[in-house]
């Protein structure tokens, strides 16, 4: 699972096996360990309640409604889920997406577990 944070937006990209885990009702958790011993983590989990996001100073936890996550995981054509959560200043935008293969090869990067890029399919038709 990859994370991208820009201003007030958090975007997660999941590969095929991670989407399968979510589709099976399991949570995903990833952590990055720093030389100082600190750990930064992020997690995606289903909730029966409304979607929400939490940050405890060392980890981000995104909770997306279970029905949305399961439907998304089961639908090979649905690329992502978008949520907008109100905050005191402005909304926190969440985007959960399927991770596509890159159009340009990247040396040293295994893309075998990613989803076929729809743009690659349209290029092959030309």
Protein backbone atom coordinates (compact mmCIF):
# COMPACT_ATOMS: atom_id res chain seq x y z
CA UNK A 1 0.00 0.00 0.00
CA UNK A 2 1.35 3.40 -0.97
CA UNK A 3 0.46 6.69 0.66
CA UNK A 4 0.53 10.16 -0.85
CA UNK A 5 -0.25 13.26 1.17
CA UNK A 6 -0.73 16.67 -0.40
CA UNK A 7 -2.10 19.55 1.65
CA UNK A 8 -5.44 18.32 3.02
CA UNK A 9 -5.66 15.19 0.90
CA UNK A 10 -4.59 11.61 1.63
CA UNK A 11 -4.39 9.08 -1.18
CA UNK A 12 -3.80 5.35 -0.77
CA UNK A 13 -2.98 3.02 -3.67
CA UNK A 14 -3.45 -0.70 -3.25
CA UNK A 15 -2.09 -3.52 -5.39
CA UNK A 16 -4.05 -6.65 -6.33
CA UNK A 17 -3.27 -8.66 -3.19
CA UNK A 18 -4.10 -5.71 -0.93
CA UNK A 19 -7.44 -5.18 -2.68
CA UNK A 20 -8.11 -8.90 -2.18
CA UNK A 21 -7.36 -8.55 1.54
CA UNK A 22 -9.80 -5.64 1.82
CA UNK A 23 -12.36 -7.65 -0.19
CA UNK A 24 -12.00 -10.48 2.34
CA UNK A 25 -12.84 -8.05 5.14
CA UNK A 26 -9.32 -7.69 6.53
CA UNK A 27 -7.52 -4.45 7.43
CA UNK A 28 -4.21 -3.32 5.96
CA UNK A 29 -1.43 -1.75 8.00
CA UNK A 30 1.99 -0.50 6.87
CA UNK A 31 4.82 1.12 8.79
CA UNK A 32 8.01 3.02 8.04
CA UNK A 33 10.85 2.76 10.56
CA UNK A 34 13.26 5.65 11.05
CA UNK A 35 16.89 5.40 12.27
CA UNK A 36 15.92 7.24 15.47
CA UNK A 37 13.55 4.39 16.36
CA UNK A 38 10.40 6.31 15.54
CA UNK A 39 7.76 4.56 13.47
CA UNK A 40 5.21 6.12 11.14
CA UNK A 41 2.26 3.95 10.22
CA UNK A 42 -0.89 4.04 8.16
CA UNK A 43 -3.86 1.75 8.08
CA UNK A 44 -6.98 1.14 6.02
CA UNK A 45 -9.88 -0.60 7.70
CA UNK A 46 -13.61 -1.09 7.25
CA UNK A 47 -16.16 0.40 9.61
CA UNK A 48 -19.87 -0.16 10.09
CA UNK A 49 -20.22 3.55 10.90
CA UNK A 50 -19.58 6.60 8.73
CA UNK A 51 -16.12 6.97 7.19
CA UNK A 52 -13.55 8.74 9.33
CA UNK A 53 -9.83 9.49 9.60
CA UNK A 54 -7.67 9.56 12.72
CA UNK A 55 -4.09 10.58 13.48
CA UNK A 56 -2.51 9.81 16.87
CA UNK A 57 0.86 11.50 16.29
CA UNK A 58 2.50 8.44 14.73
CA UNK A 59 -0.16 6.71 12.63
CA UNK A 60 -2.94 7.58 10.21
CA UNK A 61 -6.00 5.34 10.31
CA UNK A 62 -8.54 5.62 7.52
CA UNK A 63 -11.86 3.96 8.23
CA UNK A 64 -14.10 3.59 5.21
CA UNK A 65 -17.62 2.18 5.34
CA UNK A 66 -17.52 -1.59 4.92
CA UNK A 67 -20.15 -1.67 2.16
CA UNK A 68 -18.13 0.81 0.04
CA UNK A 69 -14.85 -1.06 0.52
CA UNK A 70 -16.33 -4.47 -0.28
CA UNK A 71 -18.18 -3.21 -3.37
CA UNK A 72 -15.04 -1.46 -4.63
CA UNK A 73 -12.85 -4.52 -4.09
CA UNK A 74 -15.32 -6.73 -5.96
CA UNK A 75 -15.68 -4.39 -8.97
CA UNK A 76 -12.72 -4.68 -11.32
CA UNK A 77 -13.78 -1.51 -13.19
CA UNK A 78 -14.20 0.82 -10.19
CA UNK A 79 -10.86 2.57 -9.80
CA UNK A 80 -11.36 4.34 -6.49
CA UNK A 81 -13.37 5.54 -3.55
CA UNK A 82 -13.51 9.22 -2.71
CA UNK A 83 -14.53 10.59 0.70
CA UNK A 84 -14.62 14.17 1.92
CA UNK A 85 -14.54 14.60 5.70
CA UNK A 86 -15.24 17.97 7.34
CA UNK A 87 -12.58 19.53 9.57
CA UNK A 88 -12.40 22.84 11.43
CA UNK A 89 -10.60 24.53 8.49
CA UNK A 90 -11.53 22.68 5.32
CA UNK A 91 -12.44 19.17 4.28
CA UNK A 92 -9.97 16.30 4.45
CA UNK A 93 -10.10 14.56 1.09
CA UNK A 94 -9.53 10.80 1.03
CA UNK A 95 -8.92 8.76 -2.09
CA UNK A 96 -8.48 4.99 -2.08
CA UNK A 97 -7.36 3.67 -5.48
CA UNK A 98 -6.25 0.53 -7.24
CA UNK A 99 -2.56 0.80 -8.15
CA UNK A 100 -1.94 0.56 -11.90
CA UNK A 101 1.16 -0.54 -13.75
CA UNK A 102 3.31 2.39 -14.86
CA UNK A 103 3.21 3.23 -18.57
CA UNK A 104 6.98 3.73 -18.59
CA UNK A 105 9.10 0.89 -17.15
CA UNK A 106 10.96 1.70 -13.93
CA UNK A 107 14.14 -0.25 -13.28
CA UNK A 108 14.17 -2.21 -10.06
CA UNK A 109 10.42 -1.88 -9.49
CA UNK A 110 8.26 -5.00 -9.55
CA UNK A 111 4.87 -4.18 -11.05
CA UNK A 112 3.59 -7.75 -11.41
CA UNK A 113 0.99 -7.36 -8.63
CA UNK A 114 -0.51 -4.13 -9.97
CA UNK A 115 -3.64 -3.66 -12.02
CA UNK A 116 -3.41 -3.29 -15.79
CA UNK A 117 -3.28 0.39 -16.65
CA UNK A 118 -6.38 1.34 -18.70
CA UNK A 119 -4.26 3.80 -20.68
CA UNK A 120 -1.96 0.94 -21.72
CA UNK A 121 -4.96 -0.91 -23.11
CA UNK A 122 -6.04 2.09 -25.18
CA UNK A 123 -2.48 2.58 -26.48
CA UNK A 124 -2.32 -1.03 -27.66
CA UNK A 125 -5.40 -0.42 -29.82
CA UNK A 126 -3.66 2.32 -31.82
